[in-house]
PDB file of N, CA and C in Angstrom:
ATOM      1  N   MET A   1      47.979 -18.955 -73.621  1.00  0.00           N
ATOM      2  CA  MET A   1      49.419 -18.753 -72.835  1.00  0.00           C
ATOM      3  C   MET A   1      49.942 -17.462 -72.549  1.00  0.00           C
ATOM      4  N   PHE A   2      50.018 -16.943 -74.046  1.00  0.00           N
ATOM      5  CA  PHE A   2      50.066 -15.011 -73.506  1.00  0.00           C
ATOM      6  C   PHE A   2      50.181 -15.129 -72.907  1.00  0.00           C
ATOM      7  N   ALA A   3      48.512 -15.257 -72.141  1.00  0.00           N
ATOM      8  CA  ALA A   3      47.561 -14.096 -70.924  1.00  0.00           C
ATOM      9  C   ALA A   3      48.671 -14.483 -69.827  1.00  0.00           C
ATOM     10  N   VAL A   4      48.645 -15.306 -69.154  1.00  0.00           N
ATOM     11  CA  VAL A   4      49.797 -15.338 -67.691  1.00  0.00           C
ATOM     12  C   VAL A   4      51.440 -15.082 -68.301  1.00  0.00           C
ATOM     13  N   VAL A   5      51.498 -14.518 -68.936  1.00  0.00           N
ATOM     14  CA  VAL A   5      53.288 -14.528 -69.342  1.00  0.00           C
ATOM     15  C   VAL A   5      53.504 -12.494 -68.746  1.00  0.00           C
ATOM     16  N   ASP A   6      54.382 -12.107 -68.241  1.00  0.00           N
ATOM     17  CA  ASP A   6      54.582 -10.969 -68.474  1.00  0.00           C
ATOM     18  C   ASP A   6      55.087 -10.227 -69.414  1.00  0.00           C
ATOM     19  N   ALA A   7      56.074 -10.781 -70.343  1.00  0.00           N
ATOM     20  CA  ALA A   7      56.653 -10.581 -71.866  1.00  0.00           C
ATOM     21  C   ALA A   7      56.732 -10.635 -71.965  1.00  0.00           C
ATOM     22  N   LEU A   8      56.881 -11.203 -73.747  1.00  0.00           N
ATOM     23  CA  LEU A   8      56.459 -12.117 -74.585  1.00  0.00           C
ATOM     24  C   LEU A   8      58.211 -12.141 -75.096  1.00  0.00           C
ATOM     25  N   LEU A   9      59.496 -12.940 -75.633  1.00  0.00           N
ATOM     26  CA  LEU A   9      60.805 -12.705 -75.643  1.00  0.00           C
ATOM     27  C   LEU A   9      60.132 -13.016 -77.952  1.00  0.00           C
ATOM     28  N   VAL A  10      60.956 -12.117 -78.943  1.00  0.00           N
ATOM     29  CA  VAL A  10      60.955 -12.737 -79.479  1.00  0.00           C
ATOM     30  C   VAL A  10      62.486 -12.766 -80.311  1.00  0.00           C
ATOM     31  N   THR A  11      63.261 -13.404 -81.250  1.00  0.00           N
ATOM     32  CA  THR A  11      64.885 -12.926 -81.709  1.00  0.00           C
ATOM     33  C   THR A  11      65.070 -13.720 -82.409  1.00  0.00           C
ATOM     34  N   LEU A  12      65.680 -13.755 -83.206  1.00  0.00           N
ATOM     35  CA  LEU A  12      66.077 -13.458 -84.729  1.00  0.00           C
ATOM     36  C   LEU A  12      67.326 -13.527 -85.558  1.00  0.00           C
ATOM     37  N   ARG A  13      67.750 -14.739 -86.136  1.00  0.00           N
ATOM     38  CA  ARG A  13      69.677 -14.021 -86.241  1.00  0.00           C
ATOM     39  C   ARG A  13      69.670 -12.379 -86.795  1.00  0.00           C
ATOM     40  N   ARG A  14      71.738 -13.022 -86.388  1.00  0.00           N
ATOM     41  CA  ARG A  14      72.293 -11.544 -87.952  1.00  0.00           C
ATOM     42  C   ARG A  14      71.707 -12.093 -88.941  1.00  0.00           C
ATOM     43  N   ASP A  15      70.596 -11.436 -90.289  1.00  0.00           N
ATOM     44  CA  ASP A  15      71.406 -11.701 -91.660  1.00  0.00           C
ATOM     45  C   ASP A  15      70.455 -10.710 -92.365  1.00  0.00           C
ATOM     46  N   PRO A  16      70.701  -9.702 -93.292  1.00  0.00           N
ATOM     47  CA  PRO A  16      70.395  -9.109 -93.680  1.00  0.00           C
ATOM     48  C   PRO A  16      69.084  -8.824 -94.768  1.00  0.00           C
ATOM     49  N   ILE A  17      68.704 -10.127 -94.996  1.00  0.00           N
ATOM     50  CA  ILE A  17      67.211 -10.386 -95.596  1.00  0.00           C
ATOM     51  C   ILE A  17      66.364  -9.879 -94.089  1.00  0.00           C
ATOM     52  N   LEU A  18      66.497 -11.023 -93.072  1.00  0.00           N
ATOM     53  CA  LEU A  18      65.307 -10.710 -92.147  1.00  0.00           C
ATOM     54  C   LEU A  18      65.464 -10.232 -91.249  1.00  0.00           C
ATOM     55  N   ALA A  19      66.203  -8.857 -91.219  1.00  0.00           N
ATOM     56  CA  ALA A  19      65.962  -7.137 -90.817  1.00  0.00           C
ATOM     57  C   ALA A  19      64.894  -6.575 -92.073  1.00  0.00           C
ATOM     58  N   LEU A  20      64.642  -6.929 -93.116  1.00  0.00           N
ATOM     59  CA  LEU A  20      64.016  -6.256 -93.867  1.00  0.00           C
ATOM     60  C   LEU A  20      62.495  -7.167 -93.623  1.00  0.00           C
ATOM     61  N   THR A  21      62.231  -7.671 -92.230  1.00  0.00           N
ATOM     62  CA  THR A  21      61.233  -8.578 -92.501  1.00  0.00           C
ATOM     63  C   THR A  21      60.602  -7.726 -91.383  1.00  0.00           C
ATOM     64  N   ILE A  22      59.665  -8.048 -90.724  1.00  0.00           N
ATOM     65  CA  ILE A  22      58.873  -7.868 -89.406  1.00  0.00           C
ATOM     66  C   ILE A  22      58.453  -9.254 -88.774  1.00  0.00           C
ATOM     67  N   PRO A  23      58.449  -9.865 -88.199  1.00  0.00           N
ATOM     68  CA  PRO A  23      58.314 -11.178 -87.912  1.00  0.00           C
ATOM     69  C   PRO A  23      56.996 -11.779 -87.856  1.00  0.00           C
ATOM     70  N   SER A  24      56.053 -12.558 -88.065  1.00  0.00           N
ATOM     71  CA  SER A  24      54.935 -13.286 -87.481  1.00  0.00           C
ATOM     72  C   SER A  24      54.449 -13.361 -85.485  1.00  0.00           C
ATOM     73  N   LYS A  25      55.290 -13.562 -85.538  1.00  0.00           N
ATOM     74  CA  LYS A  25      55.767 -13.145 -83.626  1.00  0.00           C
ATOM     75  C   LYS A  25      55.412 -11.505 -82.788  1.00  0.00           C
ATOM     76  N   VAL A  26      55.880 -10.790 -83.751  1.00  0.00           N
ATOM     77  CA  VAL A  26      56.129  -9.693 -83.330  1.00  0.00           C
ATOM     78  C   VAL A  26      54.673  -9.435 -83.688  1.00  0.00           C
ATOM     79  N   GLN A  27      53.483  -9.156 -84.682  1.00  0.00           N
ATOM     80  CA  GLN A  27      52.357  -9.346 -84.674  1.00  0.00           C
ATOM     81  C   GLN A  27      51.775  -9.884 -84.282  1.00  0.00           C
ATOM     82  N   SER A  28      51.845 -11.055 -83.642  1.00  0.00           N
ATOM     83  CA  SER A  28      50.972 -12.030 -82.409  1.00  0.00           C
ATOM     84  C   SER A  28      51.290 -11.213 -81.563  1.00  0.00           C
ATOM     85  N   TYR A  29      52.180 -10.349 -81.357  1.00  0.00           N
ATOM     86  CA  TYR A  29      52.691 -10.513 -79.470  1.00  0.00           C
ATOM     87  C   TYR A  29      51.798  -9.139 -79.680  1.00  0.00           C
ATOM     88  N   LEU A  30      51.718  -8.015 -80.437  1.00  0.00           N
ATOM     89  CA  LEU A  30      51.265  -6.973 -79.937  1.00  0.00           C
ATOM     90  C   LEU A  30      49.989  -6.508 -80.276  1.00  0.00           C
ATOM     91  N   ALA A  31      49.116  -7.936 -80.749  1.00  0.00           N
ATOM     92  CA  ALA A  31      48.122  -8.339 -80.917  1.00  0.00           C
ATOM     93  C   ALA A  31      47.347  -8.568 -79.675  1.00  0.00           C
ATOM     94  N   CYS A  32      48.634  -9.107 -78.821  1.00  0.00           N
ATOM     95  CA  CYS A  32      47.656 -10.372 -77.179  1.00  0.00           C
ATOM     96  C   CYS A  32      48.082  -9.079 -76.533  1.00  0.00           C
ATOM     97  N   GLY A  33      48.519  -8.131 -76.393  1.00  0.00           N
ATOM     98  CA  GLY A  33      48.656  -6.786 -75.542  1.00  0.00           C
ATOM     99  C   GLY A  33      49.951  -6.746 -74.581  1.00  0.00           C
ATOM    100  N   LYS A  34      50.971  -7.380 -74.475  1.00  0.00           N
ATOM    101  CA  LYS A  34      51.815  -8.148 -73.801  1.00  0.00           C
ATOM    102  C   LYS A  34      53.146  -7.116 -74.281  1.00  0.00           C
ATOM    103  N   PRO A  35      53.707  -6.660 -73.209  1.00  0.00           N
ATOM    104  CA  PRO A  35      55.212  -5.991 -73.861  1.00  0.00           C
ATOM    105  C   PRO A  35      56.005  -7.668 -74.406  1.00  0.00           C
ATOM    106  N   ILE A  36      56.518  -6.252 -74.973  1.00  0.00           N
ATOM    107  CA  ILE A  36      57.457  -7.232 -76.521  1.00  0.00           C
ATOM    108  C   ILE A  36      59.453  -7.090 -75.628  1.00  0.00           C
ATOM    109  N   VAL A  37      60.290  -7.995 -75.976  1.00  0.00           N
ATOM    110  CA  VAL A  37      61.719  -8.061 -75.480  1.00  0.00           C
ATOM    111  C   VAL A  37      61.452  -8.169 -76.947  1.00  0.00           C
ATOM    112  N   GLY A  38      62.711  -7.964 -77.467  1.00  0.00           N
ATOM    113  CA  GLY A  38      63.488  -8.569 -79.203  1.00  0.00           C
ATOM    114  C   GLY A  38      64.854  -8.349 -79.205  1.00  0.00           C
ATOM    115  N   ALA A  39      65.297  -9.291 -79.517  1.00  0.00           N
ATOM    116  CA  ALA A  39      66.453  -8.713 -80.460  1.00  0.00           C
ATOM    117  C   ALA A  39      66.500  -9.673 -81.422  1.00  0.00           C
ATOM    118  N   LEU A  40      66.381  -7.954 -81.790  1.00  0.00           N
ATOM    119  CA  LEU A  40      66.307  -8.319 -83.923  1.00  0.00           C
ATOM    120  C   LEU A  40      66.577  -7.007 -84.048  1.00  0.00           C
ATOM    121  N   ASP A  41      67.128  -7.473 -85.520  1.00  0.00           N
ATOM    122  CA  ASP A  41      66.653  -5.840 -86.095  1.00  0.00           C
ATOM    123  C   ASP A  41      66.488  -5.229 -87.124  1.00  0.00           C
ATOM    124  N   GLY A  42      66.401  -4.128 -87.654  1.00  0.00           N
ATOM    125  CA  GLY A  42      65.852  -3.697 -89.252  1.00  0.00           C
ATOM    126  C   GLY A  42      64.322  -2.954 -88.225  1.00  0.00           C
ATOM    127  N   GLU A  43      63.773  -3.908 -89.429  1.00  0.00           N
ATOM    128  CA  GLU A  43      61.811  -3.782 -89.607  1.00  0.00           C
ATOM    129  C   GLU A  43      61.346  -3.763 -87.988  1.00  0.00           C
ATOM    130  N   GLY A  44      61.529  -5.678 -87.777  1.00  0.00           N
ATOM    131  CA  GLY A  44      60.723  -5.873 -86.143  1.00  0.00           C
ATOM    132  C   GLY A  44      61.230  -4.524 -85.051  1.00  0.00           C
ATOM    133  N   ALA A  45      62.373  -4.349 -84.853  1.00  0.00           N
ATOM    134  CA  ALA A  45      62.627  -3.524 -83.471  1.00  0.00           C
ATOM    135  C   ALA A  45      62.316  -2.480 -84.138  1.00  0.00           C
ATOM    136  N   SER A  46      61.636  -2.145 -85.310  1.00  0.00           N
ATOM    137  CA  SER A  46      61.595  -0.727 -85.525  1.00  0.00           C
ATOM    138  C   SER A  46      59.745  -0.466 -84.844  1.00  0.00           C
ATOM    139  N   VAL A  47      59.217  -1.163 -85.194  1.00  0.00           N
ATOM    140  CA  VAL A  47      58.080  -2.235 -85.251  1.00  0.00           C
ATOM    141  C   VAL A  47      57.597  -1.957 -83.841  1.00  0.00           C
ATOM    142  N   ILE A  48      58.566  -2.228 -83.289  1.00  0.00           N
ATOM    143  CA  ILE A  48      59.120  -2.518 -81.371  1.00  0.00           C
ATOM    144  C   ILE A  48      59.118  -1.697 -80.663  1.00  0.00           C
ATOM    145  N   THR A  49      60.454  -0.163 -81.093  1.00  0.00           N
ATOM    146  CA  THR A  49      60.497   0.122 -81.087  1.00  0.00           C
ATOM    147  C   THR A  49      59.563   1.070 -80.812  1.00  0.00           C
ATOM    148  N   GLU A  50      59.076   2.078 -82.599  1.00  0.00           N
ATOM    149  CA  GLU A  50      57.560   3.015 -82.785  1.00  0.00           C
ATOM    150  C   GLU A  50      56.292   2.559 -81.523  1.00  0.00           C
ATOM    151  N   SER A  51      56.600   1.404 -81.652  1.00  0.00           N
ATOM    152  CA  SER A  51      54.517   1.199 -81.206  1.00  0.00           C
ATOM    153  C   SER A  51      55.103   1.500 -79.463  1.00  0.00           C
ATOM    154  N   GLY A  52      55.808   0.993 -79.260  1.00  0.00           N
ATOM    155  CA  GLY A  52      56.627   1.524 -77.868  1.00  0.00           C
ATOM    156  C   GLY A  52      55.579   0.540 -76.583  1.00  0.00           C
ATOM    157  N   ALA A  53      55.661  -0.926 -77.532  1.00  0.00           N
ATOM    158  CA  ALA A  53      55.736  -2.461 -76.781  1.00  0.00           C
ATOM    159  C   ALA A  53      56.738  -2.803 -76.395  1.00  0.00           C
ATOM    160  N   GLY A  54      57.904  -2.335 -75.799  1.00  0.00           N
ATOM    161  CA  GLY A  54      58.721  -3.364 -75.428  1.00  0.00           C
ATOM    162  C   GLY A  54      60.003  -2.233 -75.548  1.00  0.00           C
ATOM    163  N   VAL A  55      60.899  -3.697 -75.032  1.00  0.00           N
ATOM    164  CA  VAL A  55      62.459  -3.270 -74.945  1.00  0.00           C
ATOM    165  C   VAL A  55      63.334  -3.950 -76.317  1.00  0.00           C
ATOM    166  N   CYS A  56      63.991  -3.900 -77.284  1.00  0.00           N
ATOM    167  CA  CYS A  56      64.679  -3.749 -77.866  1.00  0.00           C
ATOM    168  C   CYS A  56      66.563  -4.411 -78.155  1.00  0.00           C
ATOM    169  N   ALA A  57      66.831  -4.847 -78.425  1.00  0.00           N
ATOM    170  CA  ALA A  57      68.626  -5.009 -78.377  1.00  0.00           C
ATOM    171  C   ALA A  57      68.385  -5.473 -80.121  1.00  0.00           C
ATOM    172  N   PRO A  58      69.536  -5.206 -80.296  1.00  0.00           N
ATOM    173  CA  PRO A  58      70.655  -5.868 -81.768  1.00  0.00           C
ATOM    174  C   PRO A  58      70.776  -7.648 -81.231  1.00  0.00           C
ATOM    175  N   THR A  59      70.614  -8.058 -82.470  1.00  0.00           N
ATOM    176  CA  THR A  59      70.722  -9.957 -82.908  1.00  0.00           C
ATOM    177  C   THR A  59      72.023  -9.601 -82.736  1.00  0.00           C
ATOM    178  N   GLU A  60      72.356 -10.785 -81.451  1.00  0.00           N
ATOM    179  CA  GLU A  60      73.574 -11.293 -81.870  1.00  0.00           C
ATOM    180  C   GLU A  60      73.952 -10.326 -80.026  1.00  0.00           C
ATOM    181  N   ASP A  61      73.212  -9.347 -79.360  1.00  0.00           N
ATOM    182  CA  ASP A  61      74.484  -8.663 -78.313  1.00  0.00           C
ATOM    183  C   ASP A  61      73.530  -9.424 -76.972  1.00  0.00           C
ATOM    184  N   PRO A  62      74.106 -10.706 -76.771  1.00  0.00           N
ATOM    185  CA  PRO A  62      73.987 -11.219 -75.714  1.00  0.00           C
ATOM    186  C   PRO A  62      73.269  -9.433 -73.742  1.00  0.00           C
ATOM    187  N   GLN A  63      74.769  -9.364 -73.877  1.00  0.00           N
ATOM    188  CA  GLN A  63      74.444  -8.191 -73.013  1.00  0.00           C
ATOM    189  C   GLN A  63      73.861  -7.104 -72.563  1.00  0.00           C
ATOM    190  N   ARG A  64      73.524  -6.957 -74.250  1.00  0.00           N
ATOM    191  CA  ARG A  64      72.190  -5.598 -74.272  1.00  0.00           C
ATOM    192  C   ARG A  64      71.061  -6.437 -73.739  1.00  0.00           C
ATOM    193  N   LEU A  65      70.521  -7.395 -74.704  1.00  0.00           N
ATOM    194  CA  LEU A  65      69.542  -7.921 -74.305  1.00  0.00           C
ATOM    195  C   LEU A  65      69.551  -8.584 -72.632  1.00  0.00           C
ATOM    196  N   ALA A  66      69.640  -9.449 -72.253  1.00  0.00           N
ATOM    197  CA  ALA A  66      70.066  -8.826 -70.754  1.00  0.00           C
ATOM    198  C   ALA A  66      69.707  -7.914 -70.043  1.00  0.00           C
ATOM    199  N   ALA A  67      70.596  -6.332 -70.908  1.00  0.00           N
ATOM    200  CA  ALA A  67      70.212  -4.966 -70.056  1.00  0.00           C
ATOM    201  C   ALA A  67      68.825  -4.806 -69.879  1.00  0.00           C
ATOM    202  N   GLU A  68      68.766  -5.494 -71.195  1.00  0.00           N
ATOM    203  CA  GLU A  68      66.978  -4.791 -71.637  1.00  0.00           C
ATOM    204  C   GLU A  68      66.352  -5.280 -70.819  1.00  0.00           C
ATOM    205  N   VAL A  69      66.317  -6.576 -70.556  1.00  0.00           N
ATOM    206  CA  VAL A  69      65.050  -7.401 -69.911  1.00  0.00           C
ATOM    207  C   VAL A  69      65.492  -7.010 -68.829  1.00  0.00           C
ATOM    208  N   LEU A  70      66.568  -6.369 -68.564  1.00  0.00           N
ATOM    209  CA  LEU A  70      66.341  -6.061 -67.010  1.00  0.00           C
ATOM    210  C   LEU A  70      65.997  -4.835 -66.229  1.00  0.00           C
ATOM    211  N   SER A  71      65.714  -3.728 -67.233  1.00  0.00           N
ATOM    212  CA  SER A  71      65.724  -3.147 -67.562  1.00  0.00           C
ATOM    213  C   SER A  71      63.838  -2.649 -67.486  1.00  0.00           C
ATOM    214  N   LEU A  72      63.264  -4.100 -68.194  1.00  0.00           N
ATOM    215  CA  LEU A  72      61.523  -3.911 -68.450  1.00  0.00           C
ATOM    216  C   LEU A  72      61.271  -5.072 -66.849  1.00  0.00           C
ATOM    217  N   ARG A  73      62.414  -5.649 -66.388  1.00  0.00           N
ATOM    218  CA  ARG A  73      61.706  -5.904 -64.650  1.00  0.00           C
ATOM    219  C   ARG A  73      61.824  -4.399 -64.054  1.00  0.00           C
ATOM    220  N   ASN A  74      62.733  -3.890 -64.086  1.00  0.00           N
ATOM    221  CA  ASN A  74      62.114  -2.421 -63.316  1.00  0.00           C
ATOM    222  C   ASN A  74      61.189  -1.400 -63.299  1.00  0.00           C
ATOM    223  N   VAL A  75      60.408  -1.653 -64.129  1.00  0.00           N
ATOM    224  CA  VAL A  75      60.306  -0.787 -65.137  1.00  0.00           C
ATOM    225  C   VAL A  75      58.173  -1.352 -63.898  1.00  0.00           C
ATOM    226  N   ASP A  76      57.954  -0.791 -63.630  1.00  0.00           N
ATOM    227  CA  ASP A  76      56.519  -0.977 -62.401  1.00  0.00           C
ATOM    228  C   ASP A  76      55.403  -2.049 -63.656  1.00  0.00           C
ATOM    229  N   ALA A  77      54.383  -2.278 -62.432  1.00  0.00           N
ATOM    230  CA  ALA A  77      53.259  -2.825 -63.448  1.00  0.00           C
ATOM    231  C   ALA A  77      52.509  -2.838 -64.251  1.00  0.00           C
ATOM    232  N   ASP A  78      52.374  -1.264 -63.980  1.00  0.00           N
ATOM    233  CA  ASP A  78      51.218  -0.209 -65.227  1.00  0.00           C
ATOM    234  C   ASP A  78      52.330   0.484 -66.052  1.00  0.00           C
ATOM    235  N   MET A  79      53.574   0.535 -65.882  1.00  0.00           N
ATOM    236  CA  MET A  79      53.918   1.107 -67.032  1.00  0.00           C
ATOM    237  C   MET A  79      54.082  -0.183 -67.676  1.00  0.00           C
ATOM    238  N   ARG A  80      54.352  -1.652 -67.622  1.00  0.00           N
ATOM    239  CA  ARG A  80      54.102  -2.353 -68.100  1.00  0.00           C
ATOM    240  C   ARG A  80      53.142  -3.332 -69.413  1.00  0.00           C
ATOM    241  N   ALA A  81      52.425  -2.490 -68.464  1.00  0.00           N
ATOM    242  CA  ALA A  81      51.307  -2.905 -69.247  1.00  0.00           C
ATOM    243  C   ALA A  81      50.668  -1.918 -69.499  1.00  0.00           C
ATOM    244  N   ALA A  82      51.134  -0.487 -69.884  1.00  0.00           N
ATOM    245  CA  ALA A  82      50.669   0.971 -70.925  1.00  0.00           C
ATOM    246  C   ALA A  82      51.268   0.530 -72.110  1.00  0.00           C
ATOM    247  N   MET A  83      52.712  -0.874 -71.432  1.00  0.00           N
ATOM    248  CA  MET A  83      53.954  -0.971 -73.498  1.00  0.00           C
ATOM    249  C   MET A  83      52.409  -2.191 -73.685  1.00  0.00           C
ATOM    250  N   GLY A  84      51.782  -2.651 -72.924  1.00  0.00           N
ATOM    251  CA  GLY A  84      51.141  -3.772 -74.104  1.00  0.00           C
ATOM    252  C   GLY A  84      49.929  -2.839 -74.061  1.00  0.00           C
ATOM    253  N   ARG A  85      49.150  -1.999 -73.929  1.00  0.00           N
ATOM    254  CA  ARG A  85      48.369  -1.573 -74.504  1.00  0.00           C
ATOM    255  C   ARG A  85      48.316  -0.866 -75.953  1.00  0.00           C
ATOM    256  N   ARG A  86      49.600   0.253 -75.374  1.00  0.00           N
ATOM    257  CA  ARG A  86      50.209   0.516 -76.831  1.00  0.00           C
ATOM    258  C   ARG A  86      50.573  -0.946 -77.781  1.00  0.00           C
ATOM    259  N   GLY A  87      51.067  -1.794 -77.885  1.00  0.00           N
ATOM    260  CA  GLY A  87      51.387  -3.086 -78.960  1.00  0.00           C
ATOM    261  C   GLY A  87      50.228  -2.876 -79.179  1.00  0.00           C
ATOM    262  N   ARG A  88      49.110  -3.324 -78.105  1.00  0.00           N
ATOM    263  CA  ARG A  88      47.863  -3.595 -78.491  1.00  0.00           C
ATOM    264  C   ARG A  88      46.820  -2.220 -79.902  1.00  0.00           C
ATOM    265  N   GLU A  89      48.017  -1.480 -80.102  1.00  0.00           N
ATOM    266  CA  GLU A  89      46.448   0.143 -80.439  1.00  0.00           C
ATOM    267  C   GLU A  89      47.914   0.208 -81.818  1.00  0.00           C
ATOM    268  N   TYR A  90      48.565  -0.260 -81.577  1.00  0.00           N
ATOM    269  CA  TYR A  90      49.415  -0.178 -82.601  1.00  0.00           C
ATOM    270  C   TYR A  90      49.457  -1.215 -83.498  1.00  0.00           C
ATOM    271  N   PHE A  91      48.809  -2.704 -83.330  1.00  0.00           N
ATOM    272  CA  PHE A  91      48.277  -3.487 -83.990  1.00  0.00           C
ATOM    273  C   PHE A  91      47.205  -3.887 -84.741  1.00  0.00           C
ATOM    274  N   LEU A  92      46.370  -3.042 -83.665  1.00  0.00           N
ATOM    275  CA  LEU A  92      45.151  -2.510 -84.544  1.00  0.00           C
ATOM    276  C   LEU A  92      45.190  -1.502 -85.330  1.00  0.00           C
ATOM    277  N   ALA A  93      46.441  -0.424 -85.521  1.00  0.00           N
ATOM    278  CA  ALA A  93      45.683   0.173 -86.689  1.00  0.00           C
ATOM    279  C   ALA A  93      46.983   0.109 -87.747  1.00  0.00           C
ATOM    280  N   ASN A  94      47.932  -1.184 -87.526  1.00  0.00           N
ATOM    281  CA  ASN A  94      48.817  -1.337 -88.737  1.00  0.00           C
ATOM    282  C   ASN A  94      48.682  -2.671 -88.861  1.00  0.00           C
ATOM    283  N   PHE A  95      48.362  -3.495 -88.289  1.00  0.00           N
ATOM    284  CA  PHE A  95      48.250  -4.145 -89.294  1.00  0.00           C
ATOM    285  C   PHE A  95      46.952  -5.610 -89.335  1.00  0.00           C
ATOM    286  N   GLU A  96      45.653  -5.149 -88.294  1.00  0.00           N
ATOM    287  CA  GLU A  96      44.588  -5.683 -88.036  1.00  0.00           C
ATOM    288  C   GLU A  96      43.721  -5.552 -89.744  1.00  0.00           C
ATOM    289  N   LYS A  97      43.248  -6.519 -90.630  1.00  0.00           N
ATOM    290  CA  LYS A  97      42.876  -7.496 -91.269  1.00  0.00           C
ATOM    291  C   LYS A  97      42.380  -6.163 -92.159  1.00  0.00           C
ATOM    292  N   GLY A  98      41.858  -5.621 -91.143  1.00  0.00           N
ATOM    293  CA  GLY A  98      40.660  -4.934 -91.949  1.00  0.00           C
ATOM    294  C   GLY A  98      41.126  -3.019 -92.523  1.00  0.00           C
ATOM    295  N   ALA A  99      42.626  -3.006 -91.808  1.00  0.00           N
ATOM    296  CA  ALA A  99      43.073  -1.343 -91.957  1.00  0.00           C
ATOM    297  C   ALA A  99      43.771  -1.791 -92.658  1.00  0.00           C
ATOM    298  N   LEU A 100      44.257  -3.082 -93.218  1.00  0.00           N
ATOM    299  CA  LEU A 100      45.505  -3.473 -94.350  1.00  0.00           C
ATOM    300  C   LEU A 100      43.837  -3.425 -95.390  1.00  0.00           C
ATOM    301  N   LEU A 101      43.186  -3.413 -94.893  1.00  0.00           N
ATOM    302  CA  LEU A 101      42.265  -3.866 -96.879  1.00  0.00           C
ATOM    303  C   LEU A 101      41.518  -2.571 -96.969  1.00  0.00           C
ATOM    304  N   ASP A 102      41.435  -1.534 -96.021  1.00  0.00           N
ATOM    305  CA  ASP A 102      41.784   0.138 -95.948  1.00  0.00           C
ATOM    306  C   ASP A 102      42.766   0.468 -96.392  1.00  0.00           C
ATOM    307  N   GLN A 103      44.062   0.268 -96.213  1.00  0.00           N
ATOM    308  CA  GLN A 103      45.584   0.614 -96.989  1.00  0.00           C
ATOM    309  C   GLN A 103      45.171   0.426 -98.080  1.00  0.00           C
ATOM    310  N   LEU A 104      44.892  -1.376 -99.053  1.00  0.00           N
ATOM    311  CA  LEU A 104      44.747  -1.350 -99.494  1.00  0.00           C
ATOM    312  C   LEU A 104      44.098  -1.005-100.890  1.00  0.00           C
ATOM    313  N   GLU A 105      42.962  -0.791-100.385  1.00  0.00           N
ATOM    314  CA  GLU A 105      42.054  -0.399-101.524  1.00  0.00           C
ATOM    315  C   GLU A 105      42.155   1.295-101.628  1.00  0.00           C
ATOM    316  N   GLN A 106      43.239   1.611-100.378  1.00  0.00           N
ATOM    317  CA  GLN A 106      42.705   3.173-101.000  1.00  0.00           C
ATOM    318  C   GLN A 106      44.329   3.578-101.963  1.00  0.00           C
ATOM    319  N   TRP A 107      45.515   2.570-101.453  1.00  0.00           N
ATOM    320  CA  TRP A 107      45.985   2.575-102.662  1.00  0.00           C
ATOM    321  C   TRP A 107      45.928   2.329-104.327  1.00  0.00           C
ATOM    322  N   CYS A 108      45.210   1.180-103.906  1.00  0.00           N
ATOM    323  CA  CYS A 108      44.532   1.452-105.760  1.00  0.00           C
ATOM    324  C   CYS A 108      43.511   1.873-106.324  1.00  0.00           C
ATOM    325  N   ARG A 109      42.981   3.091-105.196  1.00  0.00           N
ATOM    326  CA  ARG A 109      42.563   4.339-105.378  1.00  0.00           C
ATOM    327  C   ARG A 109      43.286   5.413-107.050  1.00  0.00           C
ATOM    328  N   ASP A 110      44.983   5.404-105.452  1.00  0.00           N
ATOM    329  CA  ASP A 110      45.225   6.199-105.787  1.00  0.00           C
ATOM    330  C   ASP A 110      46.334   5.427-107.217  1.00  0.00           C
ATOM    331  N   VAL A 111      46.298   4.848-106.931  1.00  0.00           N
ATOM    332  CA  VAL A 111      46.984   3.852-108.371  1.00  0.00           C
ATOM    333  C   VAL A 111      46.351   4.878-110.071  1.00  0.00           C
ATOM    334  N   SER A 112      44.949   4.352-109.826  1.00  0.00           N
ATOM    335  CA  SER A 112      43.600   4.329-111.079  1.00  0.00           C
ATOM    336  C   SER A 112      43.353   5.439-111.064  1.00  0.00           C
ATOM    337  N   GLY A 113      44.119   6.071-110.026  1.00  0.00           N
ATOM    338  CA  GLY A 113      43.726   7.779-110.823  1.00  0.00           C
ATOM    339  C   GLY A 113      42.669   8.294-110.018  1.00  0.00           C
TER     340      GLY A 113
END
């Protein structure tokens, strides 16, 4: 289903605890290489912004979300494809199982001296 869409939407309600999380949807969306439209705060928004994989509006701000959707619509197809590629690259570098295991192994080495 993800293959036929132009962009993928992720939303969260405003909650300090949720702002500390990265929704699994964000990771899935990054992995499939499609631009992301986010309506969330905190870590999830940071990942979308940092990766360059899409656009983000603060949680519970429908006017800003609409503006971000329109801005994405007005970007040419090549730019949207580039967002998707950046998201996929970010996923592979930060969330792919092998990368996570390598990071965990390095942390264990650092702690054990």
